[in-house]
C-alpha atoms as a PDB file:
ATOM      1  CA  MET A   1      -2.403  -4.463 -16.988  1.00  0.00           C
ATOM      2  CA  ASN A   2      -4.358  -3.373 -14.890  1.00  0.00           C
ATOM      3  CA  ILE A   3      -2.237  -0.768 -12.876  1.00  0.00           C
ATOM      4  CA  ARG A   4      -1.774   2.449 -14.273  1.00  0.00           C
ATOM      5  CA  ARG A   5       2.255   3.093 -13.838  1.00  0.00           C
ATOM      6  CA  LEU A   6       2.740   6.790 -14.965  1.00  0.00           C
ATOM      7  CA  GLY A   7       6.142   8.347 -15.785  1.00  0.00           C
ATOM      8  CA  ALA A   8       7.928   5.761 -15.199  1.00  0.00           C
ATOM      9  CA  SER A   9      11.895   6.701 -15.177  1.00  0.00           C
ATOM     10  CA  THR A  10      14.874   4.592 -13.884  1.00  0.00           C
ATOM     11  CA  PHE A  11      17.157   6.410 -11.607  1.00  0.00           C
ATOM     12  CA  THR A  12      20.272   4.211  -9.352  1.00  0.00           C
ATOM     13  CA  VAL A  13      19.829   5.767  -6.562  1.00  0.00           C
ATOM     14  CA  GLY A  14       8.758 -19.327  11.185  1.00  0.00           C
ATOM     15  CA  ALA A  15       5.586 -17.859  12.326  1.00  0.00           C
ATOM     16  CA  THR A  16       2.273 -18.885  11.449  1.00  0.00           C
ATOM     17  CA  VAL A  17      -0.162 -16.268   9.073  1.00  0.00           C
ATOM     18  CA  ARG A  18      -3.948 -17.210   8.803  1.00  0.00           C
ATOM     19  CA  THR A  19      -5.923 -16.519   5.960  1.00  0.00           C
ATOM     20  CA  THR A  20      -9.289 -15.255   6.557  1.00  0.00           C
ATOM     21  CA  TRP A  21     -11.680 -12.053   6.321  1.00  0.00           C
ATOM     22  CA  PRO A  22     -11.242  -9.057   9.653  1.00  0.00           C
ATOM     23  CA  LYS A  23     -13.410  -8.361  11.455  1.00  0.00           C
ATOM     24  CA  HIS A  24     -13.643  -5.044  10.782  1.00  0.00           C
ATOM     25  CA  SER A  25     -14.849  -5.721   6.930  1.00  0.00           C
ATOM     26  CA  ALA A  26     -16.772  -8.578   8.059  1.00  0.00           C
ATOM     27  CA  ARG A  27     -20.812  -7.600   7.795  1.00  0.00           C
ATOM     28  CA  LEU A  28     -22.876  -8.317   4.670  1.00  0.00           C
ATOM     29  CA  HIS A  29     -21.591  -7.336   1.400  1.00  0.00           C
ATOM     30  CA  SER A  30     -22.902  -8.145  -2.141  1.00  0.00           C
ATOM     31  CA  ALA A  31     -20.160  -7.642  -3.886  1.00  0.00           C
ATOM     32  CA  THR A  32     -18.595 -10.972  -5.795  1.00  0.00           C
ATOM     33  CA  LEU A  33     -14.971 -11.423  -5.327  1.00  0.00           C
ATOM     34  CA  LEU A  34     -12.494 -14.230  -6.360  1.00  0.00           C
ATOM     35  CA  THR A  35     -11.122 -16.349  -5.217  1.00  0.00           C
ATOM     36  CA  ASN A  36      -7.042 -17.617  -5.172  1.00  0.00           C
ATOM     37  CA  ARG A  37      -8.603 -20.131  -7.703  1.00  0.00           C
ATOM     38  CA  GLY A  38     -10.423 -17.504  -9.436  1.00  0.00           C
ATOM     39  CA  THR A  39     -13.906 -19.071  -8.106  1.00  0.00           C
ATOM     40  CA  PRO A  40     -16.089 -16.510  -7.522  1.00  0.00           C
ATOM     41  CA  VAL A  41     -17.699 -15.610  -3.603  1.00  0.00           C
ATOM     42  CA  ASN A  42     -19.554 -13.592  -2.126  1.00  0.00           C
ATOM     43  CA  ILE A  43     -18.199 -10.960  -0.102  1.00  0.00           C
ATOM     44  CA  ALA A  44     -20.417 -12.260   2.449  1.00  0.00           C
ATOM     45  CA  ASP A  45     -18.996 -15.459   2.792  1.00  0.00           C
ATOM     46  CA  LEU A  46     -14.988 -14.054   4.306  1.00  0.00           C
ATOM     47  CA  GLN A  47     -16.228 -14.564   7.861  1.00  0.00           C
ATOM     48  CA  PRO A  48     -13.262 -14.399  10.172  1.00  0.00           C
ATOM     49  CA  ALA A  49     -11.340 -17.326  10.899  1.00  0.00           C
ATOM     50  CA  VAL A  50      -9.327 -15.011  13.663  1.00  0.00           C
ATOM     51  CA  GLU A  51      -8.743 -11.651  15.018  1.00  0.00           C
ATOM     52  CA  SER A  52      -5.841 -10.012  16.048  1.00  0.00           C
ATOM     53  CA  LEU A  53      -6.426  -6.716  18.931  1.00  0.00           C
ATOM     54  CA  GLU A  54      -3.103  -6.846  19.286  1.00  0.00           C
ATOM     55  CA  ILE A  55      -3.185  -5.708  15.825  1.00  0.00           C
ATOM     56  CA  ALA A  56      -5.797  -2.889  16.058  1.00  0.00           C
ATOM     57  CA  GLN A  57      -4.266  -1.567  19.750  1.00  0.00           C
ATOM     58  CA  ARG A  58      -1.096  -1.782  18.037  1.00  0.00           C
ATOM     59  CA  ILE A  59      -2.554   0.963  14.667  1.00  0.00           C
ATOM     60  CA  ASP A  60      -4.065   2.699  17.851  1.00  0.00           C
ATOM     61  CA  ALA A  61      -1.062   3.871  19.519  1.00  0.00           C
ATOM     62  CA  ILE A  62       0.963   5.125  16.857  1.00  0.00           C
ATOM     63  CA  ASP A  63       1.531   8.763  17.100  1.00  0.00           C
ATOM     64  CA  TRP A  64      -0.997   9.986  14.568  1.00  0.00           C
ATOM     65  CA  THR A  65      -0.989  13.222  15.306  1.00  0.00           C
ATOM     66  CA  THR A  66       2.618  13.297  14.020  1.00  0.00           C
ATOM     67  CA  VAL A  67       1.506  11.258  10.846  1.00  0.00           C
ATOM     68  CA  ASP A  68      -0.581  13.913   9.945  1.00  0.00           C
ATOM     69  CA  ALA A  69       2.087  16.740  10.257  1.00  0.00           C
ATOM     70  CA  ASP A  70       4.020  14.658   8.029  1.00  0.00           C
ATOM     71  CA  LEU A  71       2.122  13.843   5.793  1.00  0.00           C
ATOM     72  CA  ASP A  72       0.638  17.301   4.745  1.00  0.00           C
ATOM     73  CA  ARG A  73       4.505  18.857   5.291  1.00  0.00           C
ATOM     74  CA  TYR A  74       6.482  16.200   3.248  1.00  0.00           C
ATOM     75  CA  GLY A  75       3.500  13.714   1.653  1.00  0.00           C
ATOM     76  CA  CYS A  76       5.123  10.590   3.273  1.00  0.00           C
ATOM     77  CA  ALA A  77       5.141   9.421   7.175  1.00  0.00           C
ATOM     78  CA  ARG A  78       7.558   7.015   9.202  1.00  0.00           C
ATOM     79  CA  VAL A  79       5.828   4.432  11.378  1.00  0.00           C
ATOM     80  CA  PRO A  80       9.111   2.457  13.053  1.00  0.00           C
ATOM     81  CA  GLY A  81       8.535  -1.441  14.428  1.00  0.00           C
ATOM     82  CA  LEU A  82       4.441  -1.303  13.095  1.00  0.00           C
ATOM     83  CA  ILE A  83       5.311  -4.729  13.093  1.00  0.00           C
ATOM     84  CA  SER A  84       8.242  -7.580  14.502  1.00  0.00           C
ATOM     85  CA  ALA A  85      10.677  -8.765  12.498  1.00  0.00           C
ATOM     86  CA  ASN A  86       9.047 -12.297  13.163  1.00  0.00           C
ATOM     87  CA  GLU A  87       5.374 -10.872  11.658  1.00  0.00           C
ATOM     88  CA  CYS A  88       8.131  -9.802   8.588  1.00  0.00           C
ATOM     89  CA  ALA A  89       9.474 -13.200   8.099  1.00  0.00           C
ATOM     90  CA  ALA A  90       6.154 -15.158   8.304  1.00  0.00           C
ATOM     91  CA  ILE A  91       4.886 -12.242   6.022  1.00  0.00           C
ATOM     92  CA  ALA A  92       7.263 -12.814   3.125  1.00  0.00           C
ATOM     93  CA  SER A  93       7.368 -16.181   3.955  1.00  0.00           C
ATOM     94  CA  LEU A  94       4.524 -16.750   2.113  1.00  0.00           C
ATOM     95  CA  TYR A  95       5.589 -15.005  -1.326  1.00  0.00           C
ATOM     96  CA  PRO A  96       6.170 -18.880  -2.868  1.00  0.00           C
ATOM     97  CA  ARG A  97       2.695 -19.641  -2.319  1.00  0.00           C
ATOM     98  CA  ASP A  98       1.302 -18.960  -5.857  1.00  0.00           C
ATOM     99  CA  ALA A  99      -2.015 -20.668  -4.738  1.00  0.00           C
ATOM    100  CA  LEU A 100      -2.634 -17.563  -2.050  1.00  0.00           C
ATOM    101  CA  TYR A 101      -2.518 -15.208  -5.075  1.00  0.00           C
ATOM    102  CA  ARG A 102      -4.350 -13.596  -8.347  1.00  0.00           C
ATOM    103  CA  SER A 103      -1.228 -12.731 -10.549  1.00  0.00           C
ATOM    104  CA  ARG A 104       2.550 -12.398 -10.773  1.00  0.00           C
ATOM    105  CA  VAL A 105       3.748  -9.486 -13.067  1.00  0.00           C
ATOM    106  CA  VAL A 106       7.714  -9.255 -13.571  1.00  0.00           C
ATOM    107  CA  MET A 107       8.581  -5.617 -13.530  1.00  0.00           C
ATOM    108  CA  ALA A 108      11.241  -6.346 -16.800  1.00  0.00           C
ATOM    109  CA  ARG A 109       8.642  -7.193 -19.179  1.00  0.00           C
ATOM    110  CA  HIS A 110       5.763  -4.235 -18.788  1.00  0.00           C
ATOM    111  CA  GLY A 111       9.091  -1.451 -18.459  1.00  0.00           C
ATOM    112  CA  PHE A 112       7.785  -1.031 -14.452  1.00  0.00           C
ATOM    113  CA  GLY A 113      12.071  -1.397 -13.351  1.00  0.00           C
ATOM    114  CA  ARG A 114      13.363  -4.791 -12.566  1.00  0.00           C
ATOM    115  CA  GLY A 115      11.846  -7.447  -9.809  1.00  0.00           C
ATOM    116  CA  GLU A 116       8.504  -8.895  -9.118  1.00  0.00           C
ATOM    117  CA  TYR A 117       5.908  -8.771  -7.360  1.00  0.00           C
ATOM    118  CA  LYS A 118       2.131 -10.876  -6.817  1.00  0.00           C
ATOM    119  CA  TYR A 119      -0.880  -9.388  -5.427  1.00  0.00           C
ATOM    120  CA  PHE A 120      -2.819 -11.112  -3.196  1.00  0.00           C
ATOM    121  CA  ALA A 121      -6.540 -12.809  -3.930  1.00  0.00           C
ATOM    122  CA  TYR A 122      -9.060 -12.757  -1.286  1.00  0.00           C
ATOM    123  CA  PRO A 123      -9.469 -13.565   1.018  1.00  0.00           C
ATOM    124  CA  LEU A 124      -6.197 -11.797   2.553  1.00  0.00           C
ATOM    125  CA  PRO A 125      -3.741 -13.700   4.976  1.00  0.00           C
ATOM    126  CA  ALA A 126      -4.948 -12.666   8.455  1.00  0.00           C
ATOM    127  CA  ILE A 127      -2.405 -10.245   9.266  1.00  0.00           C
ATOM    128  CA  ILE A 128      -3.142  -8.358   5.714  1.00  0.00           C
ATOM    129  CA  ALA A 129      -6.277  -7.788   6.164  1.00  0.00           C
ATOM    130  CA  GLU A 130      -6.560  -6.707   9.672  1.00  0.00           C
ATOM    131  CA  LEU A 131      -4.013  -3.982   8.960  1.00  0.00           C
ATOM    132  CA  ARG A 132      -6.136  -2.820   5.949  1.00  0.00           C
ATOM    133  CA  ALA A 133      -8.881  -2.201   7.850  1.00  0.00           C
ATOM    134  CA  THR A 134      -7.514  -0.382  10.580  1.00  0.00           C
ATOM    135  CA  ILE A 135      -4.905   1.660   9.170  1.00  0.00           C
ATOM    136  CA  TYR A 136      -8.200   3.296   7.142  1.00  0.00           C
ATOM    137  CA  PRO A 137     -10.295   4.889   9.537  1.00  0.00           C
ATOM    138  CA  HIS A 138      -6.941   6.626  10.644  1.00  0.00           C
ATOM    139  CA  LEU A 139      -6.442   7.904   7.454  1.00  0.00           C
ATOM    140  CA  SER A 140      -9.957   8.786   5.769  1.00  0.00           C
ATOM    141  CA  PRO A 141     -10.061  11.968   8.051  1.00  0.00           C
ATOM    142  CA  ILE A 142      -6.343  13.145   6.085  1.00  0.00           C
ATOM    143  CA  ALA A 143      -8.138  11.678   2.853  1.00  0.00           C
ATOM    144  CA  ASN A 144     -10.928  14.192   3.409  1.00  0.00           C
ATOM    145  CA  ARG A 145      -9.762  17.028   4.642  1.00  0.00           C
ATOM    146  CA  TRP A 146      -6.629  16.815   1.664  1.00  0.00           C
ATOM    147  CA  ASN A 147     -10.205  16.416  -1.337  1.00  0.00           C
ATOM    148  CA  LYS A 148     -11.812  19.199   0.775  1.00  0.00           C
ATOM    149  CA  ALA A 149      -8.360  21.557   0.750  1.00  0.00           C
ATOM    150  CA  LEU A 150      -8.404  20.827  -3.112  1.00  0.00           C
ATOM    151  CA  GLY A 151     -12.109  21.316  -4.127  1.00  0.00           C
ATOM    152  CA  ILE A 152     -12.506  17.398  -4.979  1.00  0.00           C
ATOM    153  CA  ASP A 153     -16.103  15.987  -4.136  1.00  0.00           C
ATOM    154  CA  VAL A 154     -15.424  13.335  -3.527  1.00  0.00           C
ATOM    155  CA  ARG A 155     -15.546  12.124   0.791  1.00  0.00           C
ATOM    156  CA  TYR A 156     -14.824   8.746   2.243  1.00  0.00           C
ATOM    157  CA  PRO A 157     -16.184   6.267   4.378  1.00  0.00           C
ATOM    158  CA  ALA A 158     -15.100   6.074   8.403  1.00  0.00           C
ATOM    159  CA  ASP A 159     -14.360   2.510   7.963  1.00  0.00           C
ATOM    160  CA  HIS A 160     -12.903   0.542   5.290  1.00  0.00           C
ATOM    161  CA  ALA A 161     -15.810  -2.485   4.092  1.00  0.00           C
ATOM    162  CA  THR A 162     -18.007   1.274   2.832  1.00  0.00           C
ATOM    163  CA  PHE A 163     -15.304   2.088   0.576  1.00  0.00           C
ATOM    164  CA  LEU A 164     -14.968  -1.101  -0.457  1.00  0.00           C
ATOM    165  CA  ASP A 165     -18.506  -1.400  -1.464  1.00  0.00           C
ATOM    166  CA  ARG A 166     -18.375   1.792  -3.291  1.00  0.00           C
ATOM    167  CA  CYS A 167     -15.052  -0.049  -5.597  1.00  0.00           C
ATOM    168  CA  HIS A 168     -16.461  -3.534  -5.861  1.00  0.00           C
ATOM    169  CA  ALA A 169     -20.144  -1.491  -6.816  1.00  0.00           C
ATOM    170  CA  ALA A 170     -18.041   0.151  -9.678  1.00  0.00           C
ATOM    171  CA  GLY A 171     -16.225  -3.129 -10.981  1.00  0.00           C
ATOM    172  CA  GLN A 172     -13.369  -2.542  -9.048  1.00  0.00           C
ATOM    173  CA  THR A 173     -13.505  -6.109  -7.020  1.00  0.00           C
ATOM    174  CA  ARG A 174      -9.445  -7.300  -7.256  1.00  0.00           C
ATOM    175  CA  PRO A 175      -8.152  -7.527  -4.418  1.00  0.00           C
ATOM    176  CA  THR A 176      -4.326  -4.818  -4.841  1.00  0.00           C
ATOM    177  CA  PRO A 177      -2.731  -5.826  -1.393  1.00  0.00           C
ATOM    178  CA  LEU A 178       1.088  -6.837  -3.104  1.00  0.00           C
ATOM    179  CA  ILE A 179       4.509  -8.858  -2.354  1.00  0.00           C
ATOM    180  CA  LEU A 180       7.620  -6.896  -3.740  1.00  0.00           C
ATOM    181  CA  GLN A 181      10.475  -9.020  -4.259  1.00  0.00           C
ATOM    182  CA  TYR A 182      14.074  -7.388  -5.390  1.00  0.00           C
ATOM    183  CA  GLY A 183      17.378  -9.349  -6.102  1.00  0.00           C
ATOM    184  CA  ALA A 184      20.776  -7.849  -6.244  1.00  0.00           C
ATOM    185  CA  ASP A 185      21.230  -4.532  -9.248  1.00  0.00           C
ATOM    186  CA  ASP A 186      16.545  -4.470  -9.172  1.00  0.00           C
ATOM    187  CA  TYR A 187      14.914  -1.895  -9.232  1.00  0.00           C
ATOM    188  CA  ASN A 188      11.500   0.201  -9.350  1.00  0.00           C
ATOM    189  CA  CYS A 189       9.972   2.767 -11.452  1.00  0.00           C
ATOM    190  CA  LEU A 190       8.899   5.997  -9.847  1.00  0.00           C
ATOM    191  CA  HIS A 191       4.678   4.923 -10.348  1.00  0.00           C
ATOM    192  CA  GLN A 192       1.663   6.133  -8.867  1.00  0.00           C
ATOM    193  CA  ASP A 193      -0.619   2.544  -7.913  1.00  0.00           C
ATOM    194  CA  LEU A 194      -4.193   3.278  -9.415  1.00  0.00           C
ATOM    195  CA  TYR A 195      -6.894   0.625 -10.270  1.00  0.00           C
ATOM    196  CA  GLY A 196      -9.621   2.241 -12.014  1.00  0.00           C
ATOM    197  CA  GLU A 197     -12.313   5.436 -10.825  1.00  0.00           C
ATOM    198  CA  HIS A 198     -11.736   4.623  -7.229  1.00  0.00           C
ATOM    199  CA  VAL A 199      -8.557   5.714  -5.687  1.00  0.00           C
ATOM    200  CA  PHE A 200      -8.070   5.688  -1.807  1.00  0.00           C
ATOM    201  CA  PRO A 201      -4.810   8.843  -1.987  1.00  0.00           C
ATOM    202  CA  LEU A 202      -2.847   6.938   0.226  1.00  0.00           C
ATOM    203  CA  GLN A 203      -0.681   4.122   1.683  1.00  0.00           C
ATOM    204  CA  VAL A 204       0.848   1.882   2.919  1.00  0.00           C
ATOM    205  CA  ALA A 205       4.521   0.254   2.057  1.00  0.00           C
ATOM    206  CA  ILE A 206       5.875  -2.278   5.021  1.00  0.00           C
ATOM    207  CA  LEU A 207       9.550  -3.892   4.610  1.00  0.00           C
ATOM    208  CA  LEU A 208      10.265  -7.078   5.816  1.00  0.00           C
ATOM    209  CA  SER A 209      13.644  -7.402   5.133  1.00  0.00           C
ATOM    210  CA  ALA A 210      16.687  -5.874   7.082  1.00  0.00           C
ATOM    211  CA  PRO A 211      19.204  -3.476   5.520  1.00  0.00           C
ATOM    212  CA  GLY A 212      22.640  -4.215   5.834  1.00  0.00           C
ATOM    213  CA  SER A 213      21.973  -7.428   6.611  1.00  0.00           C
ATOM    214  CA  ASP A 214      19.177  -8.525   4.055  1.00  0.00           C
ATOM    215  CA  PHE A 215      20.055  -6.270   1.642  1.00  0.00           C
ATOM    216  CA  THR A 216      22.342  -3.225   0.952  1.00  0.00           C
ATOM    217  CA  GLY A 217      20.629  -0.031  -1.436  1.00  0.00           C
ATOM    218  CA  GLY A 218      16.649  -0.538  -2.687  1.00  0.00           C
ATOM    219  CA  GLU A 219      15.733   2.837  -0.594  1.00  0.00           C
ATOM    220  CA  PHE A 220      12.658   4.270  -1.096  1.00  0.00           C
ATOM    221  CA  VAL A 221      12.109   7.059  -2.861  1.00  0.00           C
ATOM    222  CA  LEU A 222       9.267   9.741  -3.614  1.00  0.00           C
ATOM    223  CA  THR A 223       8.893  12.638  -6.052  1.00  0.00           C
ATOM    224  CA  GLU A 224       7.120  15.114  -6.007  1.00  0.00           C
ATOM    225  CA  GLN A 225       6.338  18.025  -9.139  1.00  0.00           C
ATOM    226  CA  ARG A 226       5.734  20.928  -8.540  1.00  0.00           C
ATOM    227  CA  PRO A 227       3.941  23.916 -10.558  1.00  0.00           C
ATOM    228  CA  ARG A 228       6.537  25.779 -12.273  1.00  0.00           C
ATOM    229  CA  MET A 229       9.341  24.555  -9.898  1.00  0.00           C
ATOM    230  CA  GLN A 230      11.781  22.035 -10.111  1.00  0.00           C
ATOM    231  CA  SER A 231      11.029  18.278  -8.607  1.00  0.00           C
ATOM    232  CA  ARG A 232      11.318  17.283  -4.475  1.00  0.00           C
ATOM    233  CA  ALA A 233      12.942  13.454  -3.919  1.00  0.00           C
ATOM    234  CA  GLU A 234      12.386  12.809  -0.601  1.00  0.00           C
ATOM    235  CA  VAL A 235      14.414   9.274   0.525  1.00  0.00           C
ATOM    236  CA  VAL A 236      12.504   7.534   3.453  1.00  0.00           C
ATOM    237  CA  PRO A 237      14.704   5.051   5.406  1.00  0.00           C
ATOM    238  CA  LEU A 238      13.367   2.008   6.891  1.00  0.00           C
ATOM    239  CA  THR A 239      14.094  -0.414   8.908  1.00  0.00           C
ATOM    240  CA  GLN A 240      12.468  -4.400   8.856  1.00  0.00           C
ATOM    241  CA  GLY A 241       9.024  -3.649  10.196  1.00  0.00           C
ATOM    242  CA  ASP A 242       9.343   0.319   9.505  1.00  0.00           C
ATOM    243  CA  ALA A 243       6.110   1.232   7.862  1.00  0.00           C
ATOM    244  CA  VAL A 244       5.832   4.408   5.410  1.00  0.00           C
ATOM    245  CA  ILE A 245       2.310   6.136   4.648  1.00  0.00           C
ATOM    246  CA  PHE A 246       1.998   8.220   1.584  1.00  0.00           C
ATOM    247  CA  ALA A 247       0.283   9.816  -0.797  1.00  0.00           C
ATOM    248  CA  VAL A 248      -0.922   7.877  -3.707  1.00  0.00           C
ATOM    249  CA  HIS A 249      -0.585  10.149  -6.552  1.00  0.00           C
ATOM    250  CA  GLY A 250      -1.373  13.727  -4.950  1.00  0.00           C
ATOM    251  CA  ARG A 251      -1.721  16.483  -2.447  1.00  0.00           C
ATOM    252  CA  PRO A 252      -2.029  19.825  -1.437  1.00  0.00           C
ATOM    253  CA  VAL A 253       0.053  22.257  -0.403  1.00  0.00           C
ATOM    254  CA  GLN A 254      -0.714  25.677   1.299  1.00  0.00           C
ATOM    255  CA  GLY A 255       2.043  28.384  -1.641  1.00  0.00           C
ATOM    256  CA  THR A 256       1.905  32.380  -0.651  1.00  0.00           C
ATOM    257  CA  ARG A 257      -1.180  32.223  -3.089  1.00  0.00           C
ATOM    258  CA  GLY A 258      -3.867  29.687  -1.659  1.00  0.00           C
ATOM    259  CA  VAL A 259      -3.185  25.923  -1.786  1.00  0.00           C
ATOM    260  CA  TYR A 260      -2.074  23.778  -4.681  1.00  0.00           C
ATOM    261  CA  ARG A 261      -1.964  19.996  -5.843  1.00  0.00           C
ATOM    262  CA  VAL A 262       1.409  18.502  -6.251  1.00  0.00           C
ATOM    263  CA  ASN A 263       2.250  15.099  -8.231  1.00  0.00           C
ATOM    264  CA  LEU A 264       3.400  12.106  -6.759  1.00  0.00           C
ATOM    265  CA  ARG A 265       5.223   8.820  -7.299  1.00  0.00           C
ATOM    266  CA  HIS A 266       7.401   7.098  -5.808  1.00  0.00           C
ATOM    267  CA  GLY A 267      10.041   3.936  -6.146  1.00  0.00           C
ATOM    268  CA  VAL A 268      12.311   1.990  -4.810  1.00  0.00           C
ATOM    269  CA  SER A 269      16.561   2.354  -6.144  1.00  0.00           C
ATOM    270  CA  ARG A 270      18.741  -0.178  -6.784  1.00  0.00           C
ATOM    271  CA  ILE A 271      19.533  -2.904  -4.823  1.00  0.00           C
ATOM    272  CA  ARG A 272      23.325  -3.481  -4.563  1.00  0.00           C
ATOM    273  CA  SER A 273      23.336  -6.962  -3.144  1.00  0.00           C
ATOM    274  CA  GLY A 274      20.705  -9.387  -1.487  1.00  0.00           C
ATOM    275  CA  HIS A 275      17.106 -10.011  -1.142  1.00  0.00           C
ATOM    276  CA  ARG A 276      14.490  -6.994  -0.480  1.00  0.00           C
ATOM    277  CA  HIS A 277      10.965  -7.709   0.162  1.00  0.00           C
ATOM    278  CA  THR A 278       7.834  -6.012   1.014  1.00  0.00           C
ATOM    279  CA  VAL A 279       4.279  -5.997   1.463  1.00  0.00           C
ATOM    280  CA  GLY A 280       1.998  -3.110   0.341  1.00  0.00           C
ATOM    281  CA  ILE A 281      -1.319  -2.048   1.411  1.00  0.00           C
ATOM    282  CA  ILE A 282      -3.888  -0.138  -1.286  1.00  0.00           C
ATOM    283  CA  PHE A 283      -6.781   0.833   0.518  1.00  0.00           C
ATOM    284  CA  HIS A 284      -8.777   0.884  -3.377  1.00  0.00           C
ATOM    285  CA  ASP A 285      -9.300  -1.883  -5.331  1.00  0.00           C
ATOM    286  CA  ALA A 286      -9.032  -2.887  -8.879  1.00  0.00           C
ATOM    287  CA  GLN A 287     -11.199  -3.301 -11.662  1.00  0.00           C
END
């Protein structure tokens, strides 16, 4: 396991999807990746079979000013109705197709909680690749502003392909987008998704299931550990197709004596009944 899940603590609180590399990331790269069969391939060979202009337009239409403000204030921002119910069903239907994934993790075996998840292999399903490539440019200015406020020298490029070049040059070549599956009494312990030296400080989770009909319980939970203060919890109410954008592991907060850093962890409360699927989009690749 290369995922670092820090400070884990238990709490109970029919469409077609094609596989392709997005046009936004289709320029030549020198890094070598693994296919779903474990065979090395050059990323330059993963050319797009389809481009979803609708996804790009949908992402551009998000109220990014509000997202920016919510991330600064709360460490997370809800984006309602990012994908349709049909798209949710199509993505969730990929879960049994093991050939699409590079690994499967049963959380109870590692003390991560209960439930399981699978990491996609390259090339990613088209909609996942498009979401990853088109959301990133809107988040990189926020990430750079946060790093500047915290006195961190790292700056993130404007496009995701260039950032992936940086990851791959450091040996972080394994894709991190994943699908999580939960059943009754499953949960996800509070954790941080860190996979190597290079970490993009924001990530996205999209709820694929419908609360109340597909499952009950299973709230998305975010906690902030503040210096010399009690931790703060944030529960983000999501409906099917909603996304939450949130800090991976830290963010700046303006205090009376200047800017300070708070540490964040996220998880999922206990599923009371039914089944819950989520897709996670992490922008850095893993070692």
